[in-house]
């Protein structure tokens, strides 16, 4: 029997909803079958905690007296973009500091603010009649800001390539340090727990979906950049290459650095570890089939990051059960594998979201618009 969002939310309100994580539901399906499991389970929680470079925060400082129209703005020596309005700025997670390079960047500023630490604000401007001040230097905390919200253009990739290195030199990347001559393989997804892998055709995850975002309740605000729903898929509709992505938004003042943390990748730069959890309503048996995906069902490509021209060639395909085993074979050689995504933290978020729903502290939000199923990614043409 099909269910609606309204029916499931009513069950959540009454404390009657059956909520399980995306790992727990696998055993339920094995025991009951998809039809009976779909009738029994109301919500499945998914989660991921990994580096998401395409992230940042909008901040509003309020006006000083006399006022200034900030044009060059720095927070703890990290430049933020101020070509928006007088005292609005956007700080990107991957921006480096002027004095410490990539050892400290935008991700650190965002997390320092969440932790209540003082941050030095410096700004300069060309004065005008209505904004006569030329420069300003002061300290701010998160409480001093009018608005502070995370707005991330591309998070929660729906599958992603694993990485290795065929060259005879170590390669330092956003996928970590890759040892020469296929010395290791790194990968970055929570596999069977991953949100968009449990809803591969975007039936329930869309614009307006309420999500767990770094400890706060946030929303899917748009399709993410590089949204590639036309990526190659297997017979079950699950992409075997990087596919859908999400743009997300949430209030920085409600976030917790247990679920958002700066990251420094040697030789590459700054990133932001981010926790995202998304509840999936079990509307019917087909939805239950989708959330029953296992690590063995999910295939990705191992690509070579060691090519001199910076392009990447596919070395082999592999499933996440193999990757999780700790070793895979490449050209007859057993190669160690390691996940950049924290499975422990992903499981913690899925369990926490499950608890919040069971307590009636988190309700499902039906998308106001669905994500496109024909998105493609274009390369940059050099003219």
Protein backbone atom coordinates (compact mmCIF):
# COMPACT_ATOMS: atom_id res chain seq x y z
CA UNK A 1 0.00 0.00 0.00
CA UNK A 2 1.37 3.41 -0.99
CA UNK A 3 2.03 6.03 1.71
CA UNK A 4 2.11 9.82 1.58
CA UNK A 5 4.37 12.34 3.31
CA UNK A 6 1.38 13.52 5.29
CA UNK A 7 0.60 10.02 6.55
CA UNK A 8 4.20 9.40 7.55
CA UNK A 9 4.49 12.78 9.33
CA UNK A 10 1.28 12.01 11.23
CA UNK A 11 2.85 8.75 12.41
CA UNK A 12 5.99 10.68 13.44
CA UNK A 13 3.80 13.15 15.37
CA UNK A 14 2.07 10.28 17.18
CA UNK A 15 5.32 8.45 17.90
CA UNK A 16 4.25 5.52 15.72
CA UNK A 17 6.67 5.78 12.80
CA UNK A 18 9.06 2.91 12.16
CA UNK A 19 12.44 4.49 11.43
CA UNK A 20 15.62 2.57 10.59
CA UNK A 21 19.00 3.40 9.11
CA UNK A 22 19.99 2.46 5.57
CA UNK A 23 22.19 -0.31 6.96
CA UNK A 24 19.51 -1.68 9.28
CA UNK A 25 16.91 -1.85 6.51
CA UNK A 26 18.98 -4.39 4.55
CA UNK A 27 18.37 -7.10 7.16
CA UNK A 28 14.68 -6.18 7.38
CA UNK A 29 14.30 -6.67 3.63
CA UNK A 30 16.10 -10.00 3.80
CA UNK A 31 13.77 -11.14 6.58
CA UNK A 32 10.45 -9.78 5.32
CA UNK A 33 10.90 -9.22 1.59
CA UNK A 34 10.49 -5.83 -0.07
CA UNK A 35 6.67 -5.75 -0.08
CA UNK A 36 6.19 -6.51 3.61
CA UNK A 37 9.20 -4.36 4.55
CA UNK A 38 7.69 -1.42 2.63
CA UNK A 39 4.49 -1.74 4.65
CA UNK A 40 6.42 -2.05 7.93
CA UNK A 41 9.09 0.69 7.57
CA UNK A 42 8.14 4.37 7.23
CA UNK A 43 11.50 6.18 7.05
CA UNK A 44 15.07 5.16 6.24
CA UNK A 45 17.88 7.47 7.33
CA UNK A 46 20.97 7.96 5.19
CA UNK A 47 24.16 9.86 5.96
CA UNK A 48 27.66 10.79 4.91
CA UNK A 49 30.59 12.57 6.56
CA UNK A 50 33.41 13.46 4.22
CA UNK A 51 35.33 16.31 2.59
CA UNK A 52 33.12 18.61 0.54
CA UNK A 53 35.26 21.34 -0.99
CA UNK A 54 32.40 23.21 -2.66
CA UNK A 55 31.18 24.75 0.59
CA UNK A 56 31.11 28.13 2.28
CA UNK A 57 29.10 30.59 4.34
CA UNK A 58 27.28 33.88 3.83
CA UNK A 59 27.84 36.34 6.69
CA UNK A 60 26.32 39.74 7.48
CA UNK A 61 28.32 41.97 9.84
CA UNK A 62 25.93 44.87 10.33
CA UNK A 63 26.93 48.51 9.84
CA UNK A 64 29.67 50.35 11.73
CA UNK A 65 29.50 54.06 12.50
CA UNK A 66 30.58 55.66 10.25
CA UNK A 67 29.61 52.93 7.77
CA UNK A 68 31.82 51.16 5.24
CA UNK A 69 31.12 49.38 1.95
CA UNK A 70 33.51 46.45 2.29
CA UNK A 71 35.39 45.64 -0.90
CA UNK A 72 38.41 43.69 0.32
CA UNK A 73 37.52 41.60 3.35
CA UNK A 74 39.63 39.23 5.43
CA UNK A 75 38.67 36.98 8.32
CA UNK A 76 41.69 35.76 10.29
CA UNK A 77 43.71 36.69 7.18
CA UNK A 78 41.49 34.57 4.91
CA UNK A 79 39.95 36.55 2.06
CA UNK A 80 36.18 36.41 1.66
CA UNK A 81 34.20 37.74 -1.27
CA UNK A 82 32.43 41.06 -0.64
CA UNK A 83 31.19 42.07 -4.08
CA UNK A 84 27.61 41.59 -2.91
CA UNK A 85 26.57 44.51 -0.70
CA UNK A 86 28.13 46.78 1.88
CA UNK A 87 28.52 44.35 4.78
CA UNK A 88 27.66 40.96 3.26
CA UNK A 89 30.40 38.48 2.45
CA UNK A 90 30.83 34.87 1.32
CA UNK A 91 33.74 32.90 2.70
CA UNK A 92 34.70 29.81 0.74
CA UNK A 93 35.88 26.74 2.60
CA UNK A 94 38.96 26.19 0.40
CA UNK A 95 40.39 29.75 0.50
CA UNK A 96 43.91 29.92 2.00
CA UNK A 97 45.05 32.44 4.59
CA UNK A 98 47.58 35.13 3.67
CA UNK A 99 49.90 34.32 6.54
CA UNK A 100 49.60 30.55 7.01
CA UNK A 101 48.88 29.27 3.52
CA UNK A 102 46.77 26.13 3.34
CA UNK A 103 47.42 25.24 6.98
CA UNK A 104 44.51 27.57 7.79
CA UNK A 105 41.66 28.56 5.51
CA UNK A 106 38.02 29.34 5.07
CA UNK A 107 36.90 26.02 6.56
CA UNK A 108 38.81 26.88 9.75
CA UNK A 109 37.17 30.32 9.96
CA UNK A 110 33.70 28.78 9.59
CA UNK A 111 34.38 26.23 12.33
CA UNK A 112 36.00 28.82 14.62
CA UNK A 113 32.83 30.89 14.33
CA UNK A 114 30.64 27.87 15.16
CA UNK A 115 32.81 27.19 18.22
CA UNK A 116 32.27 30.77 19.45
CA UNK A 117 35.88 31.82 18.94
CA UNK A 118 36.70 35.47 18.15
CA UNK A 119 37.67 36.10 14.53
CA UNK A 120 39.55 39.16 13.32
CA UNK A 121 37.69 41.10 10.65
CA UNK A 122 39.68 43.47 8.41
CA UNK A 123 38.20 45.33 5.45
CA UNK A 124 39.11 48.18 3.12
CA UNK A 125 37.01 50.22 0.70
CA UNK A 126 36.85 53.15 -1.66
CA UNK A 127 34.79 55.70 0.29
CA UNK A 128 31.56 57.27 -0.95
CA UNK A 129 29.14 59.86 0.42
CA UNK A 130 26.94 57.17 1.99
CA UNK A 131 29.85 54.92 3.03
CA UNK A 132 32.67 57.28 4.07
CA UNK A 133 34.85 54.83 6.04
CA UNK A 134 37.96 53.59 4.23
CA UNK A 135 38.97 50.72 6.49
CA UNK A 136 37.99 48.77 9.55
CA UNK A 137 39.59 46.24 11.89
CA UNK A 138 37.75 44.55 14.72
CA UNK A 139 36.93 41.20 16.29
CA UNK A 140 33.67 39.35 15.76
CA UNK A 141 32.02 36.20 17.04
CA UNK A 142 29.10 34.27 15.63
CA UNK A 143 26.76 35.99 18.10
CA UNK A 144 27.75 39.38 16.67
CA UNK A 145 26.54 38.51 13.18
CA UNK A 146 23.03 39.28 12.00
CA UNK A 147 22.93 36.29 9.69
CA UNK A 148 25.36 33.46 9.19
CA UNK A 149 24.37 30.52 7.08
CA UNK A 150 26.14 27.73 5.31
CA UNK A 151 25.37 27.72 1.60
CA UNK A 152 27.16 24.96 -0.26
CA UNK A 153 27.01 24.73 -4.06
CA UNK A 154 28.01 21.06 -4.38
CA UNK A 155 27.71 18.45 -1.63
CA UNK A 156 26.79 14.76 -1.18
CA UNK A 157 28.08 13.44 -4.51
CA UNK A 158 26.08 10.52 -5.85
CA UNK A 159 28.96 8.09 -6.16
CA UNK A 160 32.53 9.21 -6.87
CA UNK A 161 35.60 7.76 -8.48
CA UNK A 162 38.22 5.98 -6.40
CA UNK A 163 41.78 7.20 -6.91
CA UNK A 164 45.17 5.62 -7.54
CA UNK A 165 48.51 6.62 -9.08
CA UNK A 166 50.41 4.75 -11.80
CA UNK A 167 53.35 7.17 -11.98
CA UNK A 168 56.71 6.72 -10.26
CA UNK A 169 56.18 9.87 -8.18
CA UNK A 170 53.95 10.53 -5.18
CA UNK A 171 50.86 12.56 -6.14
CA UNK A 172 49.17 14.90 -3.64
CA UNK A 173 45.47 15.41 -4.34
CA UNK A 174 42.09 16.23 -2.81
CA UNK A 175 41.74 12.44 -2.57
CA UNK A 176 44.77 12.35 -0.29
CA UNK A 177 48.36 11.34 -0.94
CA UNK A 178 48.57 8.70 -3.66
CA UNK A 179 51.67 6.53 -3.54
CA UNK A 180 53.60 5.75 -6.73
CA UNK A 181 53.15 2.65 -8.88
CA UNK A 182 49.65 1.85 -7.63
CA UNK A 183 50.79 2.08 -4.03
CA UNK A 184 47.30 2.71 -2.65
CA UNK A 185 43.69 3.47 -3.52
CA UNK A 186 41.49 6.04 -1.79
CA UNK A 187 37.74 6.46 -2.11
CA UNK A 188 35.17 8.89 -0.81
CA UNK A 189 31.59 7.82 -0.10
CA UNK A 190 29.62 6.12 2.67
CA UNK A 191 28.42 3.51 0.17
CA UNK A 192 25.15 1.87 1.19
CA UNK A 193 24.55 4.70 3.69
CA UNK A 194 25.02 7.45 1.10
CA UNK A 195 21.89 9.61 0.55
CA UNK A 196 21.67 9.83 -3.23
CA UNK A 197 22.67 6.19 -3.71
CA UNK A 198 19.56 5.23 -1.73
CA UNK A 199 17.40 7.42 -3.95
CA UNK A 200 19.15 6.98 -7.29
CA UNK A 201 16.41 8.51 -9.45
CA UNK A 202 15.64 11.42 -7.08
CA UNK A 203 12.09 10.38 -6.18
CA UNK A 204 12.18 11.86 -2.67
CA UNK A 205 15.29 14.07 -2.53
CA UNK A 206 14.65 17.38 -4.24
CA UNK A 207 14.49 21.14 -3.76
CA UNK A 208 13.06 21.83 -0.32
CA UNK A 209 13.91 18.46 1.23
CA UNK A 210 14.67 18.92 4.95
CA UNK A 211 18.05 17.46 5.89
CA UNK A 212 20.45 17.07 8.80
CA UNK A 213 23.27 19.51 8.04
CA UNK A 214 26.27 19.71 10.38
CA UNK A 215 24.07 19.26 13.45
CA UNK A 216 21.34 21.67 12.30
CA UNK A 217 18.18 21.19 10.28
CA UNK A 218 18.87 22.46 6.79
CA UNK A 219 17.44 22.10 3.31
CA UNK A 220 18.30 21.10 -0.23
CA UNK A 221 18.23 24.51 -1.92
CA UNK A 222 18.91 23.51 -5.54
CA UNK A 223 20.59 20.88 -7.65
CA UNK A 224 24.30 20.96 -6.96
CA UNK A 225 26.86 22.20 -9.43
CA UNK A 226 28.25 19.61 -11.87
CA UNK A 227 24.92 17.81 -11.54
CA UNK A 228 25.24 14.88 -13.93
CA UNK A 229 22.10 12.77 -13.74
CA UNK A 230 22.86 11.49 -17.25
CA UNK A 231 25.95 9.65 -15.96
CA UNK A 232 26.25 5.99 -16.88
CA UNK A 233 24.15 3.74 -14.65
CA UNK A 234 23.79 0.02 -13.97
CA UNK A 235 20.69 -2.06 -14.66
CA UNK A 236 19.11 -0.86 -11.39
CA UNK A 237 19.54 2.83 -12.23
CA UNK A 238 22.47 3.32 -9.83
CA UNK A 239 25.23 5.51 -11.32
CA UNK A 240 28.68 3.99 -11.66
CA UNK A 241 30.28 7.43 -12.13
CA UNK A 242 29.96 10.81 -10.36
CA UNK A 243 26.35 11.85 -10.94
CA UNK A 244 23.88 13.94 -8.93
CA UNK A 245 24.94 16.55 -6.36
CA UNK A 246 23.09 18.80 -3.92
CA UNK A 247 23.25 22.48 -3.09
CA UNK A 248 22.36 22.81 0.60
CA UNK A 249 21.66 25.57 3.11
CA UNK A 250 21.44 25.79 6.90
CA UNK A 251 21.88 28.14 9.86
CA UNK A 252 25.49 28.29 11.06
CA UNK A 253 24.26 29.31 14.51
CA UNK A 254 22.62 25.91 15.00
CA UNK A 255 25.60 23.84 13.86
CA UNK A 256 28.03 21.74 15.87
CA UNK A 257 31.68 21.08 15.06
CA UNK A 258 31.15 17.42 15.89
CA UNK A 259 29.62 17.30 12.42
CA UNK A 260 31.61 19.94 10.54
CA UNK A 261 35.38 20.17 10.63
CA UNK A 262 38.24 21.75 8.65
CA UNK A 263 40.54 19.45 6.73
CA UNK A 264 44.04 20.00 5.34
CA UNK A 265 45.22 17.79 2.49
CA UNK A 266 49.01 17.73 2.22
CA UNK A 267 50.26 19.46 -0.91
CA UNK A 268 46.73 20.29 -2.04
CA UNK A 269 44.98 22.64 0.33
CA UNK A 270 41.98 23.18 2.58
CA UNK A 271 38.66 21.37 2.55
CA UNK A 272 35.69 20.95 4.86
CA UNK A 273 34.51 17.70 6.41
CA UNK A 274 30.75 17.90 6.51
CA UNK A 275 28.00 15.70 7.94
CA UNK A 276 24.78 15.36 5.95
CA UNK A 277 21.86 13.10 6.81
CA UNK A 278 18.75 12.71 4.67
CA UNK A 279 15.58 10.81 5.63
CA UNK A 280 13.95 8.82 2.85
CA UNK A 281 10.21 8.18 3.15
CA UNK A 282 9.15 4.70 2.11
CA UNK A 283 6.30 5.65 -0.18
CA UNK A 284 5.95 2.25 -1.84
CA UNK A 285 7.68 -1.03 -2.64
CA UNK A 286 9.85 0.52 -5.36
CA UNK A 287 11.26 2.98 -2.81
CA UNK A 288 12.03 0.08 -0.49
CA UNK A 289 13.91 -1.65 -3.30
CA UNK A 290 16.04 1.48 -3.73
CA UNK A 291 17.02 1.75 -0.06
CA UNK A 292 17.84 -1.96 0.03
CA UNK A 293 21.05 -1.30 -1.89
CA UNK A 294 24.19 -2.94 -0.48
CA UNK A 295 27.88 -2.10 -0.88
CA UNK A 296 28.16 -5.07 -3.21
CA UNK A 297 25.50 -3.49 -5.45
CA UNK A 298 27.36 -0.19 -5.87
CA UNK A 299 30.10 -0.02 -8.49
CA UNK A 300 32.59 2.78 -9.09
CA UNK A 301 35.70 3.32 -11.21
CA UNK A 302 39.27 3.43 -9.97
CA UNK A 303 40.93 6.23 -11.92
CA UNK A 304 44.58 7.12 -12.37
CA UNK A 305 45.57 10.53 -10.94
CA UNK A 306 49.20 10.06 -11.97
CA UNK A 307 48.99 11.06 -15.64
CA UNK A 308 51.27 13.93 -16.62
CA UNK A 309 48.56 15.93 -18.41
CA UNK A 310 46.27 15.93 -15.36
CA UNK A 311 43.58 13.87 -17.08
CA UNK A 312 42.34 10.66 -15.50
CA UNK A 313 42.07 7.22 -17.06
CA UNK A 314 39.93 4.37 -15.72
CA UNK A 315 42.07 1.56 -14.33
CA UNK A 316 39.26 -0.83 -13.38
CA UNK A 317 35.78 -0.95 -11.93
CA UNK A 318 35.17 -2.10 -8.37
CA UNK A 319 32.30 -2.37 -5.90
CA UNK A 320 32.27 -0.91 -2.41
CA UNK A 321 32.30 -4.30 -0.73
CA UNK A 322 35.70 -4.85 -2.34
CA UNK A 323 36.93 -1.37 -1.41
CA UNK A 324 35.83 -1.87 2.19
CA UNK A 325 37.77 -5.14 2.40
CA UNK A 326 41.01 -3.13 2.61
CA UNK A 327 42.65 -4.44 -0.56
CA UNK A 328 41.84 -4.74 -4.24
CA UNK A 329 43.77 -6.13 -7.18
CA UNK A 330 45.23 -3.87 -9.85
CA UNK A 331 47.23 -5.46 -12.70
CA UNK A 332 47.87 -8.56 -10.59
CA UNK A 333 49.03 -6.54 -7.56
CA UNK A 334 47.14 -6.37 -4.26
CA UNK A 335 46.73 -2.69 -3.38
CA UNK A 336 45.62 -1.25 -0.04
CA UNK A 337 42.41 0.79 0.01
CA UNK A 338 41.35 3.53 2.42
CA UNK A 339 38.22 5.65 2.77
CA UNK A 340 38.41 9.41 3.16
CA UNK A 341 34.76 9.45 4.22
CA UNK A 342 34.30 8.49 7.88
CA UNK A 343 31.98 5.49 8.06
CA UNK A 344 31.89 5.76 11.86
CA UNK A 345 30.69 9.37 11.70
CA UNK A 346 28.24 8.59 8.90
CA UNK A 347 26.70 5.85 11.02
CA UNK A 348 26.52 8.21 13.98
CA UNK A 349 24.63 10.80 11.91
CA UNK A 350 22.20 8.23 10.49
CA UNK A 351 21.48 6.99 14.02
CA UNK A 352 21.08 10.53 15.38
CA UNK A 353 18.67 11.48 12.59
CA UNK A 354 16.72 8.28 13.27
CA UNK A 355 16.45 9.26 16.95
CA UNK A 356 15.32 12.80 16.13
CA UNK A 357 12.55 11.51 13.87
CA UNK A 358 11.42 8.96 16.46
CA UNK A 359 11.20 11.74 19.07
CA UNK A 360 9.15 13.96 16.76
CA UNK A 361 11.94 16.55 16.53
CA UNK A 362 12.42 16.13 12.78
CA UNK A 363 9.65 15.90 10.18
CA UNK A 364 9.83 15.04 6.50
CA UNK A 365 9.45 17.79 3.91
CA UNK A 366 8.13 16.91 0.48
CA UNK A 367 10.22 18.56 -2.27
CA UNK A 368 8.71 21.66 -3.82
CA UNK A 369 10.45 20.75 -7.07
CA UNK A 370 12.15 17.56 -8.20
CA UNK A 371 15.76 17.35 -9.32
CA UNK A 372 16.32 17.07 -13.09
CA UNK A 373 16.91 13.67 -14.62
CA UNK A 374 18.68 14.99 -17.73
CA UNK A 375 21.55 16.98 -16.23
CA UNK A 376 24.93 16.80 -17.98
CA UNK A 377 28.37 18.18 -17.17
CA UNK A 378 30.32 20.14 -19.77
CA UNK A 379 34.05 20.70 -19.82
CA UNK A 380 35.60 24.16 -20.22
CA UNK A 381 36.38 24.99 -23.82
CA UNK A 382 39.56 26.98 -24.31
CA UNK A 383 39.15 29.45 -27.19
